[in-house]
Amino acid sequence: MLKRLFDLGLAATMLAVVWPVLLVAAVLIKLDSAGPVFFRGVRVGRHGRSFRIFKFRTMVANADKMGGPSTAADDPRITRMGRFIRRFNLDELPQLLNVLKGEMSIVGPRPEVPQYVAMFTEEEKRILTVRPGITDWATLWIGNEGKWLEGSDDPEKVYLEKLWPEKHRLQLEYVRRQSLWVDCQIMLKTLKVHLFDRFKPEAAMPDGGR
């Protein structure tokens, strides 16, 4: 209950602060390409319940019918405005609405698409015992997922082989250690990454590991 109250207060405060950014981004998305402002893809949440996530649309309309769910930075489906939005993770901000609805938390394992959840082992299904979140240890470790997949002929294979094992290890570690103190640590680290580290020169992507 305390975590839920914390989520509600923080999500409402953040929306009150960033709504001008959301409005400008929405207008630019509409001007840049045909299609809706939001992408409402299906994700699997707590206890395996499906919900539709709020994300700014960064790809051409019907992109899900033109390729898989793993998206490389050089994916031709990404729009011109979408590349800018993805660079600064602005596409994730609308998920504050999912937090208000109780479908997500500020901190928690990133929600997966149903086809990936169907591949979970019995141990990995423990990830579904908590609300999915906007940020977590795995999100911080991966950073810009599109850069990992850039240049690959099979982004989904790279995702499953290089990112999937460590991502789930970190998510399971969060499930075991979850607390408001851990959430605060992750939020402070996320704030540091987006306010300071984002503007540092990009290093070469590692082959795997932390």
Protein backbone atom coordinates (compact mmCIF):
# COMPACT_ATOMS: atom_id res chain seq x y z
CA MET A 1 0.00 0.00 0.00
CA LEU A 2 2.84 2.40 0.84
CA LYS A 3 4.50 1.73 -2.54
CA ARG A 4 1.20 2.35 -4.32
CA LEU A 5 0.69 5.67 -2.54
CA PHE A 6 4.28 6.61 -3.38
CA ASP A 7 3.65 5.75 -7.05
CA LEU A 8 0.44 7.79 -7.18
CA GLY A 9 2.04 10.85 -5.60
CA LEU A 10 5.16 10.75 -7.75
CA ALA A 11 3.32 10.01 -11.03
CA ALA A 12 0.83 12.85 -10.45
CA THR A 13 3.66 15.27 -9.57
CA MET A 14 5.71 14.28 -12.61
CA LEU A 15 2.75 14.66 -14.97
CA ALA A 16 2.06 18.12 -13.53
CA VAL A 17 5.68 19.08 -14.29
CA VAL A 18 6.20 17.48 -17.72
CA TRP A 19 2.78 18.02 -19.34
CA PRO A 20 4.14 20.86 -21.56
CA VAL A 21 6.79 18.44 -22.90
CA LEU A 22 4.12 15.81 -23.53
CA LEU A 23 1.97 18.33 -25.39
CA VAL A 24 4.81 19.52 -27.62
CA ALA A 25 5.90 15.94 -28.35
CA ALA A 26 2.32 14.96 -29.26
CA VAL A 27 2.01 17.85 -31.72
CA LEU A 28 5.38 17.09 -33.35
CA ILE A 29 4.51 13.40 -33.74
CA LYS A 30 1.28 14.28 -35.54
CA LEU A 31 3.07 16.75 -37.81
CA ASP A 32 5.90 14.33 -38.59
CA SER A 33 4.00 11.25 -39.77
CA ALA A 34 0.55 9.77 -40.24
CA GLY A 35 -0.87 7.76 -37.37
CA PRO A 36 -1.93 8.09 -33.73
CA VAL A 37 0.08 9.96 -31.10
CA PHE A 38 0.26 6.94 -28.80
CA PHE A 39 1.35 3.37 -29.35
CA ARG A 40 -0.93 1.13 -27.26
CA GLY A 41 0.82 -2.22 -27.46
CA VAL A 42 -0.25 -5.17 -25.32
CA ARG A 43 2.02 -5.96 -22.37
CA VAL A 44 1.80 -8.54 -19.58
CA GLY A 45 1.58 -7.15 -16.08
CA ARG A 46 1.28 -8.37 -12.52
CA HIS A 47 -0.13 -11.89 -12.12
CA GLY A 48 -0.09 -12.30 -15.90
CA ARG A 49 -2.83 -9.74 -16.57
CA SER A 50 -2.57 -8.07 -19.97
CA PHE A 51 -2.86 -4.31 -20.37
CA ARG A 52 -2.22 -1.71 -23.06
CA ILE A 53 0.84 0.41 -22.47
CA PHE A 54 0.98 4.15 -23.18
CA LYS A 55 3.99 5.11 -25.30
CA PHE A 56 4.54 7.92 -27.74
CA ARG A 57 4.47 6.46 -31.23
CA THR A 58 8.01 6.51 -32.62
CA MET A 59 7.48 4.23 -35.62
CA VAL A 60 5.36 4.27 -38.73
CA ALA A 61 1.73 3.25 -38.38
CA ASN A 62 1.19 -0.54 -38.22
CA ALA A 63 4.90 -1.10 -37.54
CA ASP A 64 4.02 -4.18 -35.47
CA LYS A 65 2.79 -5.84 -38.68
CA MET A 66 6.08 -5.06 -40.46
CA GLY A 67 8.54 -6.63 -38.01
CA GLY A 68 9.16 -8.07 -34.56
CA PRO A 69 8.99 -6.41 -31.13
CA SER A 70 12.77 -5.95 -30.82
CA THR A 71 13.76 -2.62 -32.35
CA ALA A 72 17.31 -1.67 -33.39
CA ALA A 73 18.40 1.97 -33.45
CA ASP A 74 18.69 1.78 -37.24
CA ASP A 75 15.27 0.13 -37.74
CA PRO A 76 13.73 1.69 -40.89
CA ARG A 77 10.30 1.68 -39.20
CA ILE A 78 11.40 4.48 -36.84
CA THR A 79 10.20 7.92 -37.90
CA ARG A 80 12.35 11.06 -37.99
CA MET A 81 10.68 12.43 -34.85
CA GLY A 82 10.77 8.97 -33.34
CA ARG A 83 14.57 8.90 -33.40
CA PHE A 84 14.73 12.11 -31.40
CA ILE A 85 12.11 10.93 -28.91
CA ARG A 86 13.85 7.58 -28.42
CA ARG A 87 17.24 9.24 -27.90
CA PHE A 88 15.94 10.96 -24.77
CA ASN A 89 13.46 8.21 -23.76
CA LEU A 90 10.58 10.66 -24.05
CA ASP A 91 8.44 7.84 -25.46
CA GLU A 92 8.31 6.31 -21.97
CA LEU A 93 6.83 9.38 -20.19
CA PRO A 94 3.18 8.56 -21.04
CA GLN A 95 3.54 5.40 -18.97
CA LEU A 96 2.92 7.63 -15.97
CA LEU A 97 -0.73 7.20 -17.01
CA ASN A 98 -0.34 3.43 -16.62
CA VAL A 99 1.07 4.09 -13.15
CA LEU A 100 -1.99 6.17 -12.21
CA LYS A 101 -4.26 3.38 -13.48
CA GLY A 102 -2.46 0.84 -11.27
CA GLU A 103 -1.15 -1.21 -14.19
CA MET A 104 2.47 -0.20 -13.63
CA SER A 105 4.76 1.18 -10.96
CA ILE A 106 7.49 3.82 -11.22
CA VAL A 107 10.09 1.16 -10.37
CA GLY A 108 9.75 -2.45 -11.42
CA PRO A 109 10.68 -4.95 -14.14
CA ARG A 110 9.91 -3.65 -17.63
CA PRO A 111 6.72 -5.29 -18.98
CA GLU A 112 7.18 -7.78 -21.80
CA VAL A 113 5.04 -8.61 -24.82
CA PRO A 114 2.94 -11.82 -24.53
CA GLN A 115 5.13 -13.80 -26.95
CA TYR A 116 8.18 -13.28 -24.74
CA VAL A 117 6.31 -13.99 -21.50
CA ALA A 118 5.24 -17.32 -23.02
CA MET A 119 8.96 -18.22 -23.05
CA PHE A 120 9.47 -17.58 -19.30
CA THR A 121 10.87 -20.39 -17.19
CA GLU A 122 9.14 -21.23 -13.90
CA GLU A 123 11.72 -19.11 -12.06
CA GLU A 124 11.28 -16.17 -14.44
CA LYS A 125 7.52 -16.23 -13.82
CA ARG A 126 8.32 -14.75 -10.39
CA ILE A 127 8.91 -11.47 -12.24
CA LEU A 128 5.13 -11.35 -12.77
CA THR A 129 4.47 -11.26 -9.00
CA VAL A 130 5.21 -7.52 -8.91
CA ARG A 131 3.86 -4.61 -10.94
CA PRO A 132 5.99 -3.86 -14.00
CA GLY A 133 7.74 -0.52 -13.92
CA ILE A 134 9.16 2.33 -15.96
CA THR A 135 12.71 1.79 -14.68
CA ASP A 136 14.70 -0.89 -12.87
CA TRP A 137 18.22 -2.28 -12.58
CA ALA A 138 17.89 -4.09 -15.91
CA THR A 139 16.78 -0.91 -17.66
CA LEU A 140 19.80 0.94 -16.29
CA TRP A 141 22.15 -1.88 -17.32
CA ILE A 142 20.79 -2.10 -20.88
CA GLY A 143 20.65 1.67 -21.39
CA ASN A 144 19.82 2.28 -25.05
CA GLU A 145 18.53 -1.11 -26.17
CA GLY A 146 18.42 0.01 -29.80
CA LYS A 147 22.20 0.50 -29.82
CA TRP A 148 22.75 -3.10 -28.74
CA LEU A 149 20.66 -4.28 -31.69
CA GLU A 150 21.92 -1.79 -34.27
CA GLY A 151 23.38 -3.35 -37.42
CA SER A 152 21.97 -6.79 -36.66
CA ASP A 153 20.22 -8.83 -39.34
CA ASP A 154 18.18 -10.50 -36.59
CA PRO A 155 17.53 -8.05 -33.69
CA GLU A 156 15.27 -10.54 -31.92
CA LYS A 157 18.01 -13.18 -31.83
CA VAL A 158 20.50 -10.64 -30.41
CA TYR A 159 17.96 -9.58 -27.79
CA LEU A 160 17.27 -13.15 -26.66
CA GLU A 161 20.93 -14.21 -26.64
CA LYS A 162 22.70 -11.10 -25.27
CA LEU A 163 20.13 -9.16 -23.27
CA TRP A 164 17.50 -11.64 -22.09
CA PRO A 165 19.57 -13.71 -19.58
CA GLU A 166 21.14 -10.77 -17.69
CA LYS A 167 17.97 -8.71 -17.90
CA HIS A 168 15.99 -11.44 -16.18
CA ARG A 169 18.70 -12.09 -13.62
CA LEU A 170 18.54 -8.43 -12.59
CA GLN A 171 14.74 -8.43 -12.58
CA LEU A 172 14.64 -11.50 -10.34
CA GLU A 173 17.15 -9.83 -8.04
CA TYR A 174 14.79 -6.85 -7.79
CA VAL A 175 11.86 -9.13 -6.93
CA ARG A 176 13.92 -10.68 -4.12
CA ARG A 177 15.15 -7.37 -2.70
CA GLN A 178 12.28 -5.00 -3.46
CA SER A 179 11.68 -2.21 -0.95
CA LEU A 180 11.05 1.53 -0.99
CA TRP A 181 14.75 2.06 -0.22
CA VAL A 182 15.75 0.00 -3.27
CA ASP A 183 13.20 1.91 -5.36
CA CYS A 184 14.70 5.22 -4.24
CA GLN A 185 18.20 4.03 -5.17
CA ILE A 186 17.03 3.02 -8.65
CA MET A 187 15.18 6.31 -9.16
CA LEU A 188 18.22 8.37 -8.15
CA LYS A 189 20.43 6.35 -10.49
CA THR A 190 17.88 6.81 -13.30
CA LEU A 191 17.79 10.56 -12.67
CA LYS A 192 21.59 10.72 -12.84
CA VAL A 193 21.67 8.79 -16.12
CA HIS A 194 19.08 10.99 -17.81
CA LEU A 195 20.32 14.34 -16.52
CA PHE A 196 24.07 13.84 -16.75
CA ASP A 197 25.28 10.60 -18.36
CA ARG A 198 22.96 11.05 -21.36
CA PHE A 199 25.15 13.88 -22.67
CA LYS A 200 28.47 12.08 -22.34
CA PRO A 201 30.09 10.66 -25.51
CA GLU A 202 28.70 7.22 -26.25
CA ALA A 203 31.03 4.32 -25.56
CA ALA A 204 31.15 1.18 -27.69
CA MET A 205 28.49 -1.33 -26.76
CA PRO A 206 29.85 -4.32 -24.81
CA ASP A 207 29.37 -7.87 -26.05
CA GLY A 208 27.46 -8.83 -22.92
CA GLY A 209 27.59 -8.87 -19.14
CA ARG A 210 27.33 -5.84 -16.86
